[in-house]
């Protein structure tokens, strides 16, 4: 496996915002990678697209990697994971949440922070089609919260599907995180970025499904609260934004986790208020809170080889869970 020291941010990335944004900026300069892709039909008549890394390595462990809000297999953290998987010869699959693969999905629904049912059928589909392989699951940000929620709801039953899990910067108190991102610099930088892409998706949905939600309110939304109350909550069967944010949070079910799980949450993550960090965790959860790292950042700076700390830490944890020394 890959030797690894504790993460230290480079000197010029001196706060959580820079540590979050630097790898995103670097990624914008990289060409699109055309991963081999599978299209799966969902149980409810929709589809998702799943990108594949080292699919032919049939005797190696499999990492299933869930992206964050408005992310994809082209996101910097997904590219980093793919690079490490290629380096060690493991197989990787990157499922796209609905509408995130570059093509609008069939149904009116999209995806949301607490969609543990989506995580469930995806993971079980992998296990059912090749039950002899060893599976790991990892998720970042929104994908990390959905994965943690699934782990807590499943309890010991999750161990029949995956060997171990990892979540990076999951907003496990979705309401507090949403309110945090709607304030100050966070609102100006991060929330406005998310709203731009989510509104484009919403316009496409309205073209296909006229009257699906209040178009005027959607276009006027300037906060995550307003957008989720207008679009996300009603689209996925929640009574209101508060109902959605409450039901989507993984924190209330955290103590139900019985699968070996790495929970990686930098203390300077600009997305996460204090309430997202658990006061205590079950014995199955390894909580690491490094001083630096930002939100799914962990950049090594200018050197490309040094930008693999995060996926290397995840893979090392998975390897140790099956007795491979790192």
C-alpha atoms as a PDB file:
ATOM      1  CA  UNK A   1       0.000   0.000   0.000  1.00  0.00           C
ATOM      2  CA  UNK A   2       0.914   3.673   0.054  1.00  0.00           C
ATOM      3  CA  UNK A   3       3.074   5.112   2.864  1.00  0.00           C
ATOM      4  CA  UNK A   4       1.340   8.044   4.506  1.00  0.00           C
ATOM      5  CA  UNK A   5       2.190  10.715   7.068  1.00  0.00           C
ATOM      6  CA  UNK A   6      -0.353  12.910   8.876  1.00  0.00           C
ATOM      7  CA  UNK A   7      -1.744  15.587   6.583  1.00  0.00           C
ATOM      8  CA  UNK A   8      -0.196  19.042   6.677  1.00  0.00           C
ATOM      9  CA  UNK A   9      -1.417  21.787   4.384  1.00  0.00           C
ATOM     10  CA  UNK A  10       1.229  23.654   2.336  1.00  0.00           C
ATOM     11  CA  UNK A  11       2.175  27.028   3.769  1.00  0.00           C
ATOM     12  CA  UNK A  12       0.463  29.095   1.067  1.00  0.00           C
ATOM     13  CA  UNK A  13      -2.897  27.381   1.659  1.00  0.00           C
ATOM     14  CA  UNK A  14      -3.235  28.949   5.071  1.00  0.00           C
ATOM     15  CA  UNK A  15      -6.974  28.594   5.734  1.00  0.00           C
ATOM     16  CA  UNK A  16      -9.872  26.255   5.119  1.00  0.00           C
ATOM     17  CA  UNK A  17     -11.239  28.219   2.180  1.00  0.00           C
ATOM     18  CA  UNK A  18      -7.966  28.064   0.236  1.00  0.00           C
ATOM     19  CA  UNK A  19      -7.544  24.383   1.093  1.00  0.00           C
ATOM     20  CA  UNK A  20     -11.052  23.765  -0.256  1.00  0.00           C
ATOM     21  CA  UNK A  21     -10.798  25.832  -3.431  1.00  0.00           C
ATOM     22  CA  UNK A  22      -7.211  25.188  -4.559  1.00  0.00           C
ATOM     23  CA  UNK A  23      -7.768  21.607  -5.791  1.00  0.00           C
ATOM     24  CA  UNK A  24     -11.004  22.719  -7.471  1.00  0.00           C
ATOM     25  CA  UNK A  25      -9.153  25.455  -9.372  1.00  0.00           C
ATOM     26  CA  UNK A  26      -6.384  23.064 -10.410  1.00  0.00           C
ATOM     27  CA  UNK A  27      -8.963  20.556 -11.617  1.00  0.00           C
ATOM     28  CA  UNK A  28     -10.554  23.117 -13.957  1.00  0.00           C
ATOM     29  CA  UNK A  29      -7.390  23.026 -16.085  1.00  0.00           C
ATOM     30  CA  UNK A  30      -7.462  19.264 -16.574  1.00  0.00           C
ATOM     31  CA  UNK A  31      -9.093  17.584 -19.581  1.00  0.00           C
ATOM     32  CA  UNK A  32     -12.222  15.470 -19.184  1.00  0.00           C
ATOM     33  CA  UNK A  33     -11.441  11.800 -18.591  1.00  0.00           C
ATOM     34  CA  UNK A  34     -13.608   9.376 -20.573  1.00  0.00           C
ATOM     35  CA  UNK A  35     -13.970   6.526 -18.094  1.00  0.00           C
ATOM     36  CA  UNK A  36     -15.690   3.336 -19.270  1.00  0.00           C
ATOM     37  CA  UNK A  37     -19.367   3.794 -18.331  1.00  0.00           C
ATOM     38  CA  UNK A  38     -22.254   1.517 -17.464  1.00  0.00           C
ATOM     39  CA  UNK A  39     -25.896   2.597 -17.471  1.00  0.00           C
ATOM     40  CA  UNK A  40     -28.062   0.918 -14.861  1.00  0.00           C
ATOM     41  CA  UNK A  41     -31.840   0.907 -14.763  1.00  0.00           C
ATOM     42  CA  UNK A  42     -33.117   1.809 -11.315  1.00  0.00           C
ATOM     43  CA  UNK A  43     -35.863  -0.080  -9.451  1.00  0.00           C
ATOM     44  CA  UNK A  44     -38.293   2.805 -10.084  1.00  0.00           C
ATOM     45  CA  UNK A  45     -37.797   3.011 -13.854  1.00  0.00           C
ATOM     46  CA  UNK A  46     -35.071   5.632 -13.985  1.00  0.00           C
ATOM     47  CA  UNK A  47     -31.348   5.246 -14.712  1.00  0.00           C
ATOM     48  CA  UNK A  48     -27.966   6.105 -13.250  1.00  0.00           C
ATOM     49  CA  UNK A  49     -24.560   6.137 -14.928  1.00  0.00           C
ATOM     50  CA  UNK A  50     -21.624   4.375 -13.275  1.00  0.00           C
ATOM     51  CA  UNK A  51     -18.036   5.074 -14.335  1.00  0.00           C
ATOM     52  CA  UNK A  52     -15.450   2.302 -13.992  1.00  0.00           C
ATOM     53  CA  UNK A  53     -11.734   2.110 -13.154  1.00  0.00           C
ATOM     54  CA  UNK A  54      -9.723  -1.109 -13.608  1.00  0.00           C
ATOM     55  CA  UNK A  55     -12.903  -3.052 -14.249  1.00  0.00           C
ATOM     56  CA  UNK A  56     -10.918  -6.019 -15.535  1.00  0.00           C
ATOM     57  CA  UNK A  57      -9.102  -6.558 -12.216  1.00  0.00           C
ATOM     58  CA  UNK A  58     -11.638  -9.197 -11.209  1.00  0.00           C
ATOM     59  CA  UNK A  59      -9.537 -10.679  -8.393  1.00  0.00           C
ATOM     60  CA  UNK A  60      -9.007  -7.337  -6.618  1.00  0.00           C
ATOM     61  CA  UNK A  61     -11.111  -5.450  -4.042  1.00  0.00           C
ATOM     62  CA  UNK A  62     -13.710  -2.954  -5.261  1.00  0.00           C
ATOM     63  CA  UNK A  63     -14.156   0.633  -4.055  1.00  0.00           C
ATOM     64  CA  UNK A  64     -17.572   2.225  -4.696  1.00  0.00           C
ATOM     65  CA  UNK A  65     -17.203   5.994  -4.483  1.00  0.00           C
ATOM     66  CA  UNK A  66     -20.102   8.449  -4.029  1.00  0.00           C
ATOM     67  CA  UNK A  67     -19.587  12.083  -5.046  1.00  0.00           C
ATOM     68  CA  UNK A  68     -20.753  15.279  -3.376  1.00  0.00           C
ATOM     69  CA  UNK A  69     -23.340  17.935  -4.220  1.00  0.00           C
ATOM     70  CA  UNK A  70     -23.250  18.651  -7.974  1.00  0.00           C
ATOM     71  CA  UNK A  71     -20.150  16.467  -8.290  1.00  0.00           C
ATOM     72  CA  UNK A  72     -19.258  13.694 -10.720  1.00  0.00           C
ATOM     73  CA  UNK A  73     -16.455  11.341 -11.696  1.00  0.00           C
ATOM     74  CA  UNK A  74     -14.664  14.430 -13.063  1.00  0.00           C
ATOM     75  CA  UNK A  75     -14.480  16.105  -9.629  1.00  0.00           C
ATOM     76  CA  UNK A  76     -10.976  16.517  -8.236  1.00  0.00           C
ATOM     77  CA  UNK A  77     -11.533  14.073  -5.382  1.00  0.00           C
ATOM     78  CA  UNK A  78     -12.884  11.432  -7.780  1.00  0.00           C
ATOM     79  CA  UNK A  79      -9.900  11.836 -10.096  1.00  0.00           C
ATOM     80  CA  UNK A  80      -7.589  11.461  -7.118  1.00  0.00           C
ATOM     81  CA  UNK A  81      -9.296   8.257  -6.032  1.00  0.00           C
ATOM     82  CA  UNK A  82      -9.098   6.916  -9.586  1.00  0.00           C
ATOM     83  CA  UNK A  83      -5.362   7.669  -9.718  1.00  0.00           C
ATOM     84  CA  UNK A  84      -4.686   5.740  -6.510  1.00  0.00           C
ATOM     85  CA  UNK A  85      -6.861   2.807  -7.592  1.00  0.00           C
ATOM     86  CA  UNK A  86      -4.971   2.614 -10.878  1.00  0.00           C
ATOM     87  CA  UNK A  87      -1.692   2.752  -8.985  1.00  0.00           C
ATOM     88  CA  UNK A  88      -2.504  -0.197  -6.722  1.00  0.00           C
ATOM     89  CA  UNK A  89      -4.588  -2.197  -9.205  1.00  0.00           C
ATOM     90  CA  UNK A  90      -7.912  -2.207  -7.352  1.00  0.00           C
ATOM     91  CA  UNK A  91     -11.249  -1.769  -9.125  1.00  0.00           C
ATOM     92  CA  UNK A  92     -13.299   1.386  -8.674  1.00  0.00           C
ATOM     93  CA  UNK A  93     -16.873   2.325  -9.525  1.00  0.00           C
ATOM     94  CA  UNK A  94     -18.225   5.867  -9.356  1.00  0.00           C
ATOM     95  CA  UNK A  95     -22.034   5.950  -9.434  1.00  0.00           C
ATOM     96  CA  UNK A  96     -23.518   9.296 -10.412  1.00  0.00           C
ATOM     97  CA  UNK A  97     -26.509  10.509  -8.491  1.00  0.00           C
ATOM     98  CA  UNK A  98     -29.455  11.140 -10.792  1.00  0.00           C
ATOM     99  CA  UNK A  99     -28.857  13.965 -13.229  1.00  0.00           C
ATOM    100  CA  UNK A 100     -25.150  14.313 -12.383  1.00  0.00           C
ATOM    101  CA  UNK A 101     -23.606  12.348 -15.248  1.00  0.00           C
ATOM    102  CA  UNK A 102     -24.206  14.969 -17.924  1.00  0.00           C
ATOM    103  CA  UNK A 103     -27.648  13.735 -18.944  1.00  0.00           C
ATOM    104  CA  UNK A 104     -30.974  14.478 -17.285  1.00  0.00           C
ATOM    105  CA  UNK A 105     -32.569  11.424 -15.718  1.00  0.00           C
ATOM    106  CA  UNK A 106     -35.998  10.146 -16.790  1.00  0.00           C
ATOM    107  CA  UNK A 107     -38.092  10.802 -13.684  1.00  0.00           C
ATOM    108  CA  UNK A 108     -39.053  14.121 -12.057  1.00  0.00           C
ATOM    109  CA  UNK A 109     -36.996  13.305  -8.959  1.00  0.00           C
ATOM    110  CA  UNK A 110     -33.293  14.135  -8.623  1.00  0.00           C
ATOM    111  CA  UNK A 111     -31.073  13.329  -5.619  1.00  0.00           C
ATOM    112  CA  UNK A 112     -30.695  14.615  -2.077  1.00  0.00           C
ATOM    113  CA  UNK A 113     -28.485  14.521   1.011  1.00  0.00           C
ATOM    114  CA  UNK A 114     -30.358  11.778   2.826  1.00  0.00           C
ATOM    115  CA  UNK A 115     -31.016   9.374  -0.027  1.00  0.00           C
ATOM    116  CA  UNK A 116     -29.911   6.233   1.786  1.00  0.00           C
ATOM    117  CA  UNK A 117     -32.400   4.199  -0.264  1.00  0.00           C
ATOM    118  CA  UNK A 118     -30.401   5.054  -3.387  1.00  0.00           C
ATOM    119  CA  UNK A 119     -27.179   4.015  -1.640  1.00  0.00           C
ATOM    120  CA  UNK A 120     -28.848   0.771  -0.578  1.00  0.00           C
ATOM    121  CA  UNK A 121     -29.940  -0.488  -3.981  1.00  0.00           C
ATOM    122  CA  UNK A 122     -26.671   0.551  -5.637  1.00  0.00           C
ATOM    123  CA  UNK A 123     -24.492  -1.293  -3.119  1.00  0.00           C
ATOM    124  CA  UNK A 124     -26.731  -4.360  -3.129  1.00  0.00           C
ATOM    125  CA  UNK A 125     -26.713  -4.426  -6.926  1.00  0.00           C
ATOM    126  CA  UNK A 126     -22.922  -4.631  -6.890  1.00  0.00           C
ATOM    127  CA  UNK A 127     -22.966  -7.405  -4.308  1.00  0.00           C
ATOM    128  CA  UNK A 128     -25.650  -9.393  -6.122  1.00  0.00           C
ATOM    129  CA  UNK A 129     -23.977  -9.341  -9.516  1.00  0.00           C
ATOM    130  CA  UNK A 130     -20.582 -10.470  -8.167  1.00  0.00           C
ATOM    131  CA  UNK A 131     -21.024 -11.732  -4.588  1.00  0.00           C
ATOM    132  CA  UNK A 132     -17.520 -13.190  -4.232  1.00  0.00           C
ATOM    133  CA  UNK A 133     -15.693  -9.869  -4.411  1.00  0.00           C
ATOM    134  CA  UNK A 134     -14.721  -7.652  -1.485  1.00  0.00           C
ATOM    135  CA  UNK A 135     -16.513  -4.304  -1.532  1.00  0.00           C
ATOM    136  CA  UNK A 136     -15.743  -0.999   0.149  1.00  0.00           C
ATOM    137  CA  UNK A 137     -17.844   2.174   0.011  1.00  0.00           C
ATOM    138  CA  UNK A 138     -16.674   5.767   0.342  1.00  0.00           C
ATOM    139  CA  UNK A 139     -18.496   9.066   0.052  1.00  0.00           C
ATOM    140  CA  UNK A 140     -17.606  12.726   0.242  1.00  0.00           C
ATOM    141  CA  UNK A 141     -19.752  15.605   1.481  1.00  0.00           C
ATOM    142  CA  UNK A 142     -23.381  14.926   0.413  1.00  0.00           C
ATOM    143  CA  UNK A 143     -22.440  11.405  -0.699  1.00  0.00           C
ATOM    144  CA  UNK A 144     -20.711  10.872   2.627  1.00  0.00           C
ATOM    145  CA  UNK A 145     -23.810  11.886   4.598  1.00  0.00           C
ATOM    146  CA  UNK A 146     -26.048   9.584   2.545  1.00  0.00           C
ATOM    147  CA  UNK A 147     -23.583   6.724   3.060  1.00  0.00           C
ATOM    148  CA  UNK A 148     -23.323   7.343   6.817  1.00  0.00           C
ATOM    149  CA  UNK A 149     -27.115   7.437   7.049  1.00  0.00           C
ATOM    150  CA  UNK A 150     -27.326   4.093   5.238  1.00  0.00           C
ATOM    151  CA  UNK A 151     -24.698   2.571   7.528  1.00  0.00           C
ATOM    152  CA  UNK A 152     -26.548   3.743  10.640  1.00  0.00           C
ATOM    153  CA  UNK A 153     -29.911   2.507   9.397  1.00  0.00           C
ATOM    154  CA  UNK A 154     -28.558  -0.884   8.333  1.00  0.00           C
ATOM    155  CA  UNK A 155     -26.494  -1.584  11.435  1.00  0.00           C
ATOM    156  CA  UNK A 156     -24.845  -5.009  11.325  1.00  0.00           C
ATOM    157  CA  UNK A 157     -26.704  -5.882   8.105  1.00  0.00           C
ATOM    158  CA  UNK A 158     -24.373  -3.556   6.181  1.00  0.00           C
ATOM    159  CA  UNK A 159     -21.547  -6.015   6.834  1.00  0.00           C
ATOM    160  CA  UNK A 160     -23.227  -8.475   4.477  1.00  0.00           C
ATOM    161  CA  UNK A 161     -22.733  -5.965   1.656  1.00  0.00           C
ATOM    162  CA  UNK A 162     -19.461  -4.124   2.293  1.00  0.00           C
ATOM    163  CA  UNK A 163     -16.298  -4.773   4.282  1.00  0.00           C
ATOM    164  CA  UNK A 164     -15.613  -1.191   5.396  1.00  0.00           C
ATOM    165  CA  UNK A 165     -16.608   2.399   4.633  1.00  0.00           C
ATOM    166  CA  UNK A 166     -15.246   5.930   4.667  1.00  0.00           C
ATOM    167  CA  UNK A 167     -16.913   9.343   4.732  1.00  0.00           C
ATOM    168  CA  UNK A 168     -15.128  12.662   4.216  1.00  0.00           C
ATOM    169  CA  UNK A 169     -16.636  15.941   5.415  1.00  0.00           C
ATOM    170  CA  UNK A 170     -20.226  14.658   5.591  1.00  0.00           C
ATOM    171  CA  UNK A 171     -22.786  17.333   6.606  1.00  0.00           C
ATOM    172  CA  UNK A 172     -24.384  15.028   9.166  1.00  0.00           C
ATOM    173  CA  UNK A 173     -26.505  17.857  10.589  1.00  0.00           C
ATOM    174  CA  UNK A 174     -27.954  18.918   7.243  1.00  0.00           C
ATOM    175  CA  UNK A 175     -30.019  21.783   8.654  1.00  0.00           C
ATOM    176  CA  UNK A 176     -27.112  23.367  10.506  1.00  0.00           C
ATOM    177  CA  UNK A 177     -24.879  22.948   7.475  1.00  0.00           C
ATOM    178  CA  UNK A 178     -27.465  24.501   5.171  1.00  0.00           C
ATOM    179  CA  UNK A 179     -27.867  27.486   7.481  1.00  0.00           C
ATOM    180  CA  UNK A 180     -24.077  27.818   7.762  1.00  0.00           C
ATOM    181  CA  UNK A 181     -23.639  27.871   3.986  1.00  0.00           C
ATOM    182  CA  UNK A 182     -26.336  30.526   3.664  1.00  0.00           C
ATOM    183  CA  UNK A 183     -24.311  33.030   5.703  1.00  0.00           C
ATOM    184  CA  UNK A 184     -21.560  35.515   4.900  1.00  0.00           C
ATOM    185  CA  UNK A 185     -18.652  34.447   2.702  1.00  0.00           C
ATOM    186  CA  UNK A 186     -19.987  30.911   2.461  1.00  0.00           C
ATOM    187  CA  UNK A 187     -23.148  32.197   0.809  1.00  0.00           C
ATOM    188  CA  UNK A 188     -21.208  34.375  -1.626  1.00  0.00           C
ATOM    189  CA  UNK A 189     -18.691  31.715  -2.655  1.00  0.00           C
ATOM    190  CA  UNK A 190     -20.125  28.223  -2.216  1.00  0.00           C
ATOM    191  CA  UNK A 191     -23.901  28.585  -2.117  1.00  0.00           C
ATOM    192  CA  UNK A 192     -24.070  30.783  -5.201  1.00  0.00           C
ATOM    193  CA  UNK A 193     -21.937  28.272  -7.102  1.00  0.00           C
ATOM    194  CA  UNK A 194     -24.235  25.400  -6.139  1.00  0.00           C
ATOM    195  CA  UNK A 195     -27.363  27.405  -6.936  1.00  0.00           C
ATOM    196  CA  UNK A 196     -26.145  28.213 -10.443  1.00  0.00           C
ATOM    197  CA  UNK A 197     -25.764  24.571 -11.414  1.00  0.00           C
ATOM    198  CA  UNK A 198     -28.849  23.357  -9.525  1.00  0.00           C
ATOM    199  CA  UNK A 199     -31.010  26.007 -11.189  1.00  0.00           C
ATOM    200  CA  UNK A 200     -29.790  24.905 -14.618  1.00  0.00           C
ATOM    201  CA  UNK A 201     -30.820  21.344 -13.767  1.00  0.00           C
ATOM    202  CA  UNK A 202     -34.149  22.613 -12.482  1.00  0.00           C
ATOM    203  CA  UNK A 203     -34.849  24.510 -15.698  1.00  0.00           C
ATOM    204  CA  UNK A 204     -34.234  21.307 -17.655  1.00  0.00           C
ATOM    205  CA  UNK A 205     -36.673  19.445 -15.402  1.00  0.00           C
ATOM    206  CA  UNK A 206     -39.317  22.104 -15.912  1.00  0.00           C
ATOM    207  CA  UNK A 207     -38.968  21.768 -19.683  1.00  0.00           C
ATOM    208  CA  UNK A 208     -39.659  18.056 -19.402  1.00  0.00           C
ATOM    209  CA  UNK A 209     -42.208  18.294 -16.578  1.00  0.00           C
ATOM    210  CA  UNK A 210     -44.017  21.676 -16.749  1.00  0.00           C
ATOM    211  CA  UNK A 211     -45.435  22.784 -13.407  1.00  0.00           C
ATOM    212  CA  UNK A 212     -43.257  20.364 -11.441  1.00  0.00           C
ATOM    213  CA  UNK A 213     -42.512  23.106  -8.891  1.00  0.00           C
ATOM    214  CA  UNK A 214     -42.837  26.877  -8.598  1.00  0.00           C
ATOM    215  CA  UNK A 215     -40.524  28.164 -11.340  1.00  0.00           C
ATOM    216  CA  UNK A 216     -40.661  31.773 -10.148  1.00  0.00           C
ATOM    217  CA  UNK A 217     -39.634  30.849  -6.604  1.00  0.00           C
ATOM    218  CA  UNK A 218     -36.889  28.551  -7.876  1.00  0.00           C
ATOM    219  CA  UNK A 219     -35.372  31.263 -10.057  1.00  0.00           C
ATOM    220  CA  UNK A 220     -35.549  33.783  -7.212  1.00  0.00           C
ATOM    221  CA  UNK A 221     -33.951  31.458  -4.637  1.00  0.00           C
ATOM    222  CA  UNK A 222     -30.783  33.010  -3.221  1.00  0.00           C
ATOM    223  CA  UNK A 223     -30.132  30.530  -0.411  1.00  0.00           C
ATOM    224  CA  UNK A 224     -30.008  26.764  -0.060  1.00  0.00           C
ATOM    225  CA  UNK A 225     -32.992  26.996   2.301  1.00  0.00           C
ATOM    226  CA  UNK A 226     -35.102  28.710  -0.337  1.00  0.00           C
ATOM    227  CA  UNK A 227     -34.035  26.296  -3.072  1.00  0.00           C
ATOM    228  CA  UNK A 228     -34.548  23.178  -0.975  1.00  0.00           C
ATOM    229  CA  UNK A 229     -37.944  24.411   0.210  1.00  0.00           C
ATOM    230  CA  UNK A 230     -39.036  25.087  -3.379  1.00  0.00           C
ATOM    231  CA  UNK A 231     -37.421  22.191  -5.245  1.00  0.00           C
ATOM    232  CA  UNK A 232     -35.610  19.493  -3.271  1.00  0.00           C
ATOM    233  CA  UNK A 233     -38.145  18.943  -0.490  1.00  0.00           C
ATOM    234  CA  UNK A 234     -41.364  18.682  -2.560  1.00  0.00           C
ATOM    235  CA  UNK A 235     -39.612  16.772  -5.347  1.00  0.00           C
ATOM    236  CA  UNK A 236     -38.658  13.998  -2.917  1.00  0.00           C
ATOM    237  CA  UNK A 237     -41.756  13.762  -0.750  1.00  0.00           C
ATOM    238  CA  UNK A 238     -40.796  15.970   2.193  1.00  0.00           C
ATOM    239  CA  UNK A 239     -43.287  18.353   3.769  1.00  0.00           C
ATOM    240  CA  UNK A 240     -40.894  21.302   3.956  1.00  0.00           C
ATOM    241  CA  UNK A 241     -37.239  22.224   3.943  1.00  0.00           C
ATOM    242  CA  UNK A 242     -37.081  21.660   7.704  1.00  0.00           C
ATOM    243  CA  UNK A 243     -38.663  18.230   7.336  1.00  0.00           C
ATOM    244  CA  UNK A 244     -36.141  17.389   4.612  1.00  0.00           C
ATOM    245  CA  UNK A 245     -33.107  18.663   6.488  1.00  0.00           C
ATOM    246  CA  UNK A 246     -34.149  16.811   9.648  1.00  0.00           C
ATOM    247  CA  UNK A 247     -34.869  13.480   7.964  1.00  0.00           C
ATOM    248  CA  UNK A 248     -31.773  13.651   5.751  1.00  0.00           C
ATOM    249  CA  UNK A 249     -29.263  14.047   8.587  1.00  0.00           C
ATOM    250  CA  UNK A 250     -27.026  11.086   9.387  1.00  0.00           C
ATOM    251  CA  UNK A 251     -26.097  12.253  12.884  1.00  0.00           C
ATOM    252  CA  UNK A 252     -29.188  10.792  14.638  1.00  0.00           C
ATOM    253  CA  UNK A 253     -28.373   7.265  13.383  1.00  0.00           C
ATOM    254  CA  UNK A 254     -24.587   7.465  13.763  1.00  0.00           C
ATOM    255  CA  UNK A 255     -24.525   5.188  16.804  1.00  0.00           C
ATOM    256  CA  UNK A 256     -26.189   2.433  14.790  1.00  0.00           C
ATOM    257  CA  UNK A 257     -23.108   1.909  12.613  1.00  0.00           C
ATOM    258  CA  UNK A 258     -21.534  -1.529  13.011  1.00  0.00           C
ATOM    259  CA  UNK A 259     -19.280  -1.508   9.930  1.00  0.00           C
ATOM    260  CA  UNK A 260     -15.629  -0.414  10.236  1.00  0.00           C
ATOM    261  CA  UNK A 261     -15.851   3.203   9.099  1.00  0.00           C
ATOM    262  CA  UNK A 262     -13.346   6.018   8.690  1.00  0.00           C
ATOM    263  CA  UNK A 263     -14.924   9.409   9.408  1.00  0.00           C
ATOM    264  CA  UNK A 264     -12.574  12.172   8.268  1.00  0.00           C
ATOM    265  CA  UNK A 265     -13.597  15.711   9.228  1.00  0.00           C
ATOM    266  CA  UNK A 266     -11.007  18.523   9.184  1.00  0.00           C
ATOM    267  CA  UNK A 267     -11.496  21.062  11.940  1.00  0.00           C
ATOM    268  CA  UNK A 268     -11.179  23.959   9.488  1.00  0.00           C
ATOM    269  CA  UNK A 269     -13.824  22.703   7.046  1.00  0.00           C
ATOM    270  CA  UNK A 270     -15.676  25.871   5.966  1.00  0.00           C
ATOM    271  CA  UNK A 271     -18.845  23.904   5.136  1.00  0.00           C
ATOM    272  CA  UNK A 272     -19.356  22.346   8.557  1.00  0.00           C
ATOM    273  CA  UNK A 273     -20.501  24.100  11.744  1.00  0.00           C
ATOM    274  CA  UNK A 274     -19.644  22.587  15.112  1.00  0.00           C
ATOM    275  CA  UNK A 275     -22.895  20.608  15.362  1.00  0.00           C
ATOM    276  CA  UNK A 276     -21.860  18.423  12.402  1.00  0.00           C
ATOM    277  CA  UNK A 277     -18.973  16.971  14.414  1.00  0.00           C
ATOM    278  CA  UNK A 278     -20.125  14.075  16.599  1.00  0.00           C
ATOM    279  CA  UNK A 279     -19.577  14.295  20.349  1.00  0.00           C
ATOM    280  CA  UNK A 280     -19.063  10.540  20.466  1.00  0.00           C
ATOM    281  CA  UNK A 281     -18.906   7.689  17.981  1.00  0.00           C
ATOM    282  CA  UNK A 282     -19.503   3.933  18.202  1.00  0.00           C
ATOM    283  CA  UNK A 283     -16.505   1.615  18.421  1.00  0.00           C
ATOM    284  CA  UNK A 284     -16.830   0.783  14.726  1.00  0.00           C
ATOM    285  CA  UNK A 285     -16.173   4.392  13.663  1.00  0.00           C
ATOM    286  CA  UNK A 286     -12.653   5.837  13.494  1.00  0.00           C
ATOM    287  CA  UNK A 287     -13.054   9.611  13.770  1.00  0.00           C
ATOM    288  CA  UNK A 288     -10.132  11.701  12.528  1.00  0.00           C
ATOM    289  CA  UNK A 289     -10.260  15.498  12.819  1.00  0.00           C
ATOM    290  CA  UNK A 290      -7.022  16.931  11.409  1.00  0.00           C
ATOM    291  CA  UNK A 291      -6.426  20.630  11.982  1.00  0.00           C
ATOM    292  CA  UNK A 292      -6.305  21.339   8.256  1.00  0.00           C
ATOM    293  CA  UNK A 293      -7.703  19.973   5.017  1.00  0.00           C
ATOM    294  CA  UNK A 294     -10.671  22.198   4.216  1.00  0.00           C
ATOM    295  CA  UNK A 295     -13.789  20.698   2.669  1.00  0.00           C
ATOM    296  CA  UNK A 296     -12.704  17.573   0.776  1.00  0.00           C
ATOM    297  CA  UNK A 297      -9.499  19.428  -0.062  1.00  0.00           C
ATOM    298  CA  UNK A 298      -6.285  17.967   1.373  1.00  0.00           C
ATOM    299  CA  UNK A 299      -4.221  19.473  -1.425  1.00  0.00           C
ATOM    300  CA  UNK A 300      -0.480  18.901  -1.446  1.00  0.00           C
ATOM    301  CA  UNK A 301       0.086  22.136  -3.315  1.00  0.00           C
ATOM    302  CA  UNK A 302       1.730  22.368  -6.704  1.00  0.00           C
ATOM    303  CA  UNK A 303       3.101  18.824  -6.913  1.00  0.00           C
ATOM    304  CA  UNK A 304       0.589  16.469  -8.548  1.00  0.00           C
ATOM    305  CA  UNK A 305       1.911  13.433  -6.694  1.00  0.00           C
ATOM    306  CA  UNK A 306       1.271  15.139  -3.378  1.00  0.00           C
ATOM    307  CA  UNK A 307      -2.429  15.656  -4.098  1.00  0.00           C
ATOM    308  CA  UNK A 308      -3.260  12.029  -3.340  1.00  0.00           C
ATOM    309  CA  UNK A 309      -3.223  12.176   0.460  1.00  0.00           C
ATOM    310  CA  UNK A 310      -7.004  11.870   0.813  1.00  0.00           C
ATOM    311  CA  UNK A 311      -7.583   8.830  -1.434  1.00  0.00           C
ATOM    312  CA  UNK A 312      -4.436   7.227  -0.028  1.00  0.00           C
ATOM    313  CA  UNK A 313      -5.754   7.587   3.531  1.00  0.00           C
ATOM    314  CA  UNK A 314      -9.056   6.008   2.523  1.00  0.00           C
ATOM    315  CA  UNK A 315      -7.400   3.111   0.701  1.00  0.00           C
ATOM    316  CA  UNK A 316      -5.008   2.483   3.588  1.00  0.00           C
ATOM    317  CA  UNK A 317      -7.962   2.243   5.968  1.00  0.00           C
ATOM    318  CA  UNK A 318      -9.697  -0.215   3.668  1.00  0.00           C
ATOM    319  CA  UNK A 319      -6.542  -2.288   3.254  1.00  0.00           C
ATOM    320  CA  UNK A 320      -6.025  -2.507   7.007  1.00  0.00           C
ATOM    321  CA  UNK A 321      -9.618  -3.690   7.453  1.00  0.00           C
ATOM    322  CA  UNK A 322      -8.803  -6.832   5.442  1.00  0.00           C
ATOM    323  CA  UNK A 323      -5.393  -7.397   6.973  1.00  0.00           C
ATOM    324  CA  UNK A 324      -3.151  -5.776   4.359  1.00  0.00           C
ATOM    325  CA  UNK A 325      -0.275  -3.948   6.030  1.00  0.00           C
ATOM    326  CA  UNK A 326       0.278  -0.326   5.018  1.00  0.00           C
END
